[in-house]
C-alpha cells in the first residue's frame, strides 16, 4: 500500500535529489527500484511539515537553517532497528573469552575501549556489559563501553533502559531474571549494568563526532552497513582503521562482508567467529 507517496507523487527528479541528499547526510542509499519505499517512509514527514510536494521538502532539508532536528526525524523514519539481547553471541563470546583475556595478559594497565557503533536501543552494548560482568572482568581491569546511534529517539530509549518482551527472544532465563526487574509489561535493566555503558548520539559520517570513539580496541558495527553504499562503507571502515590501535578488532553483522570494500583489515576466524583485525 502506497497511500502517501501516491497522494503526493514522488517524481523521478525529486527522488534523485532526495536520495543523493540523504546519502550525503546519512550514508543511507536508495537504489532506483526503491523509490516507492523512500516515498512511503518520508511522506508522513512531508505532510506533517505542511509541504505539498517532495521537492519542497528537499529544499527545506537542504537549505533551511532549522532543518537539523528534521534530519533526526528523517533518520528515524528510514531506519527500523531490529535488535534484541544476546544476538549473534558467537562474536561477543570471542570478545569475552579471547580478546579481553589477551588484552589483560599483554596490557592489563591500559583501559580496554569497546564501542558499539550502531547500538539502536541499547541491547547489544548491554549484552556485552552483562557478559563481561558474568566473567568477572570488571573486577580485574578497566573497561570502557561506549554506545552510539544516529537516532536520538533510539538513544533516549537506551538511556531509559526499559524493554519489552520481544527484546528477550534469545535471552537466557536465568540472566534475564538476574539483570532485569519487571515494571508492568516492561523490563528495567539493572542500574549496576546500565551505568557501565555510555550512550550518545553520533552519525558515522560525522568523523569529528566519532574521532575518539573510533580509537577503540574493539568496535561492534553490526547490521548497519546494509543501509550504506560501498563508497560510504569504505569511507567509514578506512576511518576506523586509521584511528584504531593495533591490534584492533572490528565486528560486522553475519550477513555483511568487507572483503570487496577494503583490504586494510585482515579477516580472521577467532574462536569460531569471524572478525576483521588490524
Protein backbone atom coordinates (compact mmCIF):
# COMPACT_ATOMS: atom_id res chain seq x y z
CA UNK A 1 0.00 0.00 0.00
CA UNK A 2 1.48 3.35 -1.08
CA UNK A 3 -1.16 5.78 0.06
CA UNK A 4 1.12 8.66 1.00
CA UNK A 5 3.51 8.57 -1.95
CA UNK A 6 0.68 8.12 -4.46
CA UNK A 7 -1.14 11.08 -2.92
CA UNK A 8 1.88 13.37 -3.04
CA UNK A 9 3.60 11.85 -6.02
CA UNK A 10 7.37 11.31 -5.96
CA UNK A 11 8.69 12.27 -9.41
CA UNK A 12 11.93 10.67 -10.56
CA UNK A 13 13.67 14.04 -10.45
CA UNK A 14 12.70 14.65 -6.80
CA UNK A 15 13.61 11.07 -5.92
CA UNK A 16 17.09 11.53 -7.37
CA UNK A 17 17.63 14.78 -5.49
CA UNK A 18 16.35 13.38 -2.20
CA UNK A 19 18.27 10.13 -2.32
CA UNK A 20 21.55 11.91 -3.09
CA UNK A 21 20.99 14.37 -0.25
CA UNK A 22 20.08 11.54 2.13
CA UNK A 23 23.18 9.62 1.07
CA UNK A 24 25.33 12.70 1.68
CA UNK A 25 23.86 13.37 5.14
CA UNK A 26 23.26 9.85 6.49
CA UNK A 27 25.10 7.39 4.26
CA UNK A 28 21.85 5.55 3.53
CA UNK A 29 21.38 4.89 -0.18
CA UNK A 30 18.18 4.05 -2.06
CA UNK A 31 18.62 2.30 -5.40
CA UNK A 32 16.45 3.07 -8.44
CA UNK A 33 13.93 0.35 -7.66
CA UNK A 34 13.25 1.65 -4.15
CA UNK A 35 11.57 4.95 -4.99
CA UNK A 36 8.21 3.84 -3.59
CA UNK A 37 9.84 2.68 -0.35
CA UNK A 38 11.51 6.04 0.14
CA UNK A 39 8.27 7.83 -0.68
CA UNK A 40 6.30 5.80 1.85
CA UNK A 41 8.83 6.47 4.61
CA UNK A 42 9.12 10.21 4.01
CA UNK A 43 5.52 11.10 3.10
CA UNK A 44 4.28 11.40 6.71
CA UNK A 45 7.15 13.81 7.45
CA UNK A 46 6.44 15.86 4.34
CA UNK A 47 2.76 16.21 5.25
CA UNK A 48 3.47 16.97 8.90
CA UNK A 49 5.67 19.90 7.85
CA UNK A 50 2.84 21.24 5.72
CA UNK A 51 4.51 20.72 2.34
CA UNK A 52 2.56 19.69 -0.73
CA UNK A 53 5.48 18.12 -2.62
CA UNK A 54 8.65 16.14 -2.05
CA UNK A 55 10.58 18.84 -3.89
CA UNK A 56 9.55 21.44 -1.31
CA UNK A 57 10.68 19.05 1.42
CA UNK A 58 14.01 18.57 -0.35
CA UNK A 59 14.65 22.32 -0.44
CA UNK A 60 13.73 22.55 3.24
CA UNK A 61 16.17 19.79 4.20
CA UNK A 62 18.96 21.16 2.07
CA UNK A 63 18.75 24.90 2.67
CA UNK A 64 16.74 25.68 5.80
CA UNK A 65 18.88 26.67 8.77
CA UNK A 66 16.44 24.96 11.14
CA UNK A 67 16.48 21.55 9.44
CA UNK A 68 18.92 19.84 11.85
CA UNK A 69 16.14 18.48 14.06
CA UNK A 70 14.24 17.32 10.99
CA UNK A 71 17.23 15.27 9.89
CA UNK A 72 16.96 13.30 13.12
CA UNK A 73 13.34 12.53 12.24
CA UNK A 74 14.39 11.53 8.73
CA UNK A 75 16.94 9.09 10.10
CA UNK A 76 14.36 7.62 12.48
CA UNK A 77 11.93 7.17 9.59
CA UNK A 78 14.46 5.49 7.30
CA UNK A 79 15.91 3.03 9.80
CA UNK A 80 13.94 0.38 11.61
CA UNK A 81 16.21 -1.06 14.31
CA UNK A 82 15.94 -4.82 14.65
CA UNK A 83 17.80 -5.77 17.77
CA UNK A 84 17.46 -7.89 20.87
CA UNK A 85 19.52 -9.12 23.80
CA UNK A 86 22.08 -11.89 23.28
CA UNK A 87 22.03 -11.56 19.48
CA UNK A 88 24.86 -13.10 17.40
CA UNK A 89 26.54 -14.25 20.58
CA UNK A 90 29.47 -16.03 18.93
CA UNK A 91 31.22 -12.68 18.42
CA UNK A 92 30.51 -11.45 21.94
CA UNK A 93 31.82 -14.74 23.34
CA UNK A 94 35.06 -14.18 21.39
CA UNK A 95 35.32 -10.75 22.97
CA UNK A 96 34.79 -12.07 26.50
CA UNK A 97 36.75 -15.31 26.26
CA UNK A 98 39.62 -14.45 23.91
CA UNK A 99 40.12 -10.74 23.18
CA UNK A 100 39.69 -9.48 26.74
CA UNK A 101 41.98 -12.14 28.28
CA UNK A 102 44.62 -11.36 25.65
CA UNK A 103 44.41 -7.65 26.42
CA UNK A 104 44.61 -8.38 30.15
CA UNK A 105 47.69 -10.53 29.66
CA UNK A 106 49.53 -8.02 27.48
CA UNK A 107 48.27 -4.61 28.65
CA UNK A 108 46.18 -5.02 31.78
CA UNK A 109 47.00 -1.49 32.98
CA UNK A 110 45.57 0.00 29.78
CA UNK A 111 41.80 0.62 29.72
CA UNK A 112 40.10 -1.60 27.16
CA UNK A 113 37.82 0.52 24.99
CA UNK A 114 34.77 -1.07 23.37
CA UNK A 115 32.43 0.80 21.04
CA UNK A 116 29.01 -0.35 19.88
CA UNK A 117 28.82 1.90 16.83
CA UNK A 118 25.17 1.39 15.86
CA UNK A 119 23.55 0.34 19.10
CA UNK A 120 19.89 1.18 18.29
CA UNK A 121 18.04 0.95 21.63
CA UNK A 122 21.00 -0.49 23.51
CA UNK A 123 20.50 -4.23 23.62
CA UNK A 124 23.90 -5.03 22.09
CA UNK A 125 26.17 -2.99 24.42
CA UNK A 126 24.13 -4.01 27.46
CA UNK A 127 24.55 -7.67 26.47
CA UNK A 128 28.29 -7.06 26.21
CA UNK A 129 28.30 -5.48 29.68
CA UNK A 130 26.34 -8.37 31.18
CA UNK A 131 28.60 -11.00 29.64
CA UNK A 132 31.75 -9.19 30.81
CA UNK A 133 30.22 -8.89 34.26
CA UNK A 134 29.37 -12.60 34.33
CA UNK A 135 33.01 -13.37 33.53
CA UNK A 136 34.22 -11.06 36.30
CA UNK A 137 36.25 -8.78 34.05
CA UNK A 138 35.10 -5.50 35.58
CA UNK A 139 36.70 -6.60 38.87
CA UNK A 140 40.05 -7.27 37.19
CA UNK A 141 40.60 -4.41 34.75
CA UNK A 142 39.36 -1.08 33.47
CA UNK A 143 36.85 -1.34 30.63
CA UNK A 144 35.02 1.49 28.88
CA UNK A 145 31.90 0.70 26.86
CA UNK A 146 30.55 3.42 24.59
CA UNK A 147 27.39 3.03 22.53
CA UNK A 148 26.13 5.38 19.84
CA UNK A 149 23.40 5.61 17.25
CA UNK A 150 22.41 8.30 14.76
CA UNK A 151 18.84 8.10 16.01
CA UNK A 152 18.24 10.34 19.03
CA UNK A 153 14.96 8.54 19.68
CA UNK A 154 16.76 5.20 19.93
CA UNK A 155 19.41 6.61 22.27
CA UNK A 156 16.73 8.11 24.51
CA UNK A 157 15.16 4.66 24.82
CA UNK A 158 18.56 3.13 25.56
CA UNK A 159 19.16 5.68 28.29
CA UNK A 160 15.75 4.88 29.76
CA UNK A 161 16.67 1.20 29.99
CA UNK A 162 13.13 -0.18 29.66
CA UNK A 163 12.46 -3.07 27.28
CA UNK A 164 9.51 -5.08 26.04
CA UNK A 165 9.29 -8.84 25.95
CA UNK A 166 10.32 -9.01 22.28
CA UNK A 167 13.82 -7.87 23.21
CA UNK A 168 14.32 -11.13 25.12
CA UNK A 169 13.60 -13.64 22.36
CA UNK A 170 17.10 -15.11 22.72
CA UNK A 171 17.70 -14.33 26.39
CA UNK A 172 18.80 -16.97 28.91
CA UNK A 173 16.03 -17.04 31.52
CA UNK A 174 18.44 -17.01 34.46
CA UNK A 175 20.27 -13.91 33.19
CA UNK A 176 17.04 -12.12 32.37
CA UNK A 177 15.85 -12.70 35.93
CA UNK A 178 19.23 -11.65 37.34
CA UNK A 179 19.65 -8.38 35.46
CA UNK A 180 16.09 -7.15 34.85
CA UNK A 181 13.17 -6.11 37.02
CA UNK A 182 9.65 -6.27 35.63
CA UNK A 183 7.78 -2.96 35.54
CA UNK A 184 4.26 -3.67 34.31
CA UNK A 185 4.68 -5.05 30.79
CA UNK A 186 8.25 -3.72 30.56
CA UNK A 187 11.59 -4.85 31.98
CA UNK A 188 14.10 -2.48 33.57
CA UNK A 189 17.83 -3.16 33.21
CA UNK A 190 19.83 -3.31 36.44
CA UNK A 191 21.41 0.06 37.24
CA UNK A 192 24.70 -1.70 38.02
CA UNK A 193 24.86 -2.78 34.37
CA UNK A 194 23.20 0.25 32.83
CA UNK A 195 25.76 2.65 34.27
CA UNK A 196 28.60 0.69 32.63
CA UNK A 197 27.51 1.84 29.17
CA UNK A 198 27.83 5.46 27.99
CA UNK A 199 25.13 6.25 25.42
CA UNK A 200 25.35 9.15 22.97
CA UNK A 201 24.10 10.27 19.55
CA UNK A 202 26.57 10.06 16.68
CA UNK A 203 26.33 9.75 12.91
CA UNK A 204 29.08 7.54 11.48
CA UNK A 205 29.61 10.00 8.63
CA UNK A 206 30.48 12.83 11.01
CA UNK A 207 34.07 11.87 11.70
CA UNK A 208 34.62 14.73 14.13
CA UNK A 209 31.95 13.21 16.40
CA UNK A 210 33.40 9.70 16.33
CA UNK A 211 37.08 10.65 16.28
CA UNK A 212 37.80 9.43 19.81
CA UNK A 213 35.33 6.55 19.67
CA UNK A 214 36.98 5.13 16.55
CA UNK A 215 40.20 4.76 18.55
CA UNK A 216 38.61 1.87 20.47
CA UNK A 217 40.31 -1.51 20.71
CA UNK A 218 37.08 -3.29 19.76
CA UNK A 219 34.31 -1.95 17.53
CA UNK A 220 30.96 -3.64 17.00
CA UNK A 221 29.38 -2.16 13.87
CA UNK A 222 26.84 -4.84 13.09
CA UNK A 223 23.90 -4.79 10.69
CA UNK A 224 24.29 -1.12 9.78
CA UNK A 225 26.34 -1.33 6.57
CA UNK A 226 23.36 -2.96 4.85
CA UNK A 227 21.90 0.55 4.56
CA UNK A 228 25.00 2.14 3.00
CA UNK A 229 26.59 2.30 -0.43
CA UNK A 230 30.02 0.73 -0.96
CA UNK A 231 31.72 4.12 -1.11
CA UNK A 232 30.23 5.18 2.21
CA UNK A 233 31.16 1.87 3.84
CA UNK A 234 34.72 2.23 2.53
CA UNK A 235 34.99 5.73 3.97
CA UNK A 236 33.78 4.62 7.40
CA UNK A 237 35.87 1.44 7.56
CA UNK A 238 39.04 3.21 6.44
CA UNK A 239 38.49 5.83 9.12
CA UNK A 240 38.13 3.06 11.70
CA UNK A 241 41.41 1.58 10.51
CA UNK A 242 43.15 4.94 10.69
CA UNK A 243 42.06 5.52 14.29
CA UNK A 244 42.07 2.05 15.85
CA UNK A 245 45.08 0.81 17.82
CA UNK A 246 46.85 -2.38 16.82
CA UNK A 247 45.64 -4.98 17.42
CA UNK A 248 42.15 -3.70 16.77
CA UNK A 249 39.06 -5.84 16.30
CA UNK A 250 36.10 -4.91 14.10
CA UNK A 251 32.92 -7.00 14.19
CA UNK A 252 30.25 -6.60 11.49
CA UNK A 253 26.97 -8.46 11.02
CA UNK A 254 26.89 -12.08 9.95
CA UNK A 255 25.38 -11.12 6.59
CA UNK A 256 27.90 -8.34 5.93
CA UNK A 257 31.30 -8.59 4.26
CA UNK A 258 34.11 -6.09 3.82
CA UNK A 259 36.25 -8.23 1.52
CA UNK A 260 35.32 -6.23 -1.61
CA UNK A 261 35.41 -2.94 0.28
CA UNK A 262 38.89 -2.72 1.79
CA UNK A 263 42.00 -4.78 2.41
CA UNK A 264 43.10 -2.70 5.40
CA UNK A 265 41.72 -5.30 7.81
CA UNK A 266 42.54 -9.00 7.84
CA UNK A 267 39.54 -11.31 8.06
CA UNK A 268 40.22 -13.93 10.72
CA UNK A 269 38.27 -16.69 12.36
CA UNK A 270 38.72 -16.40 16.11
CA UNK A 271 37.07 -18.89 18.40
CA UNK A 272 34.50 -19.84 15.77
CA UNK A 273 33.54 -16.27 14.85
CA UNK A 274 34.72 -14.01 12.05
CA UNK A 275 36.43 -10.73 12.88
CA UNK A 276 38.28 -8.04 10.93
CA UNK A 277 41.64 -7.43 12.61
CA UNK A 278 44.01 -4.51 12.31
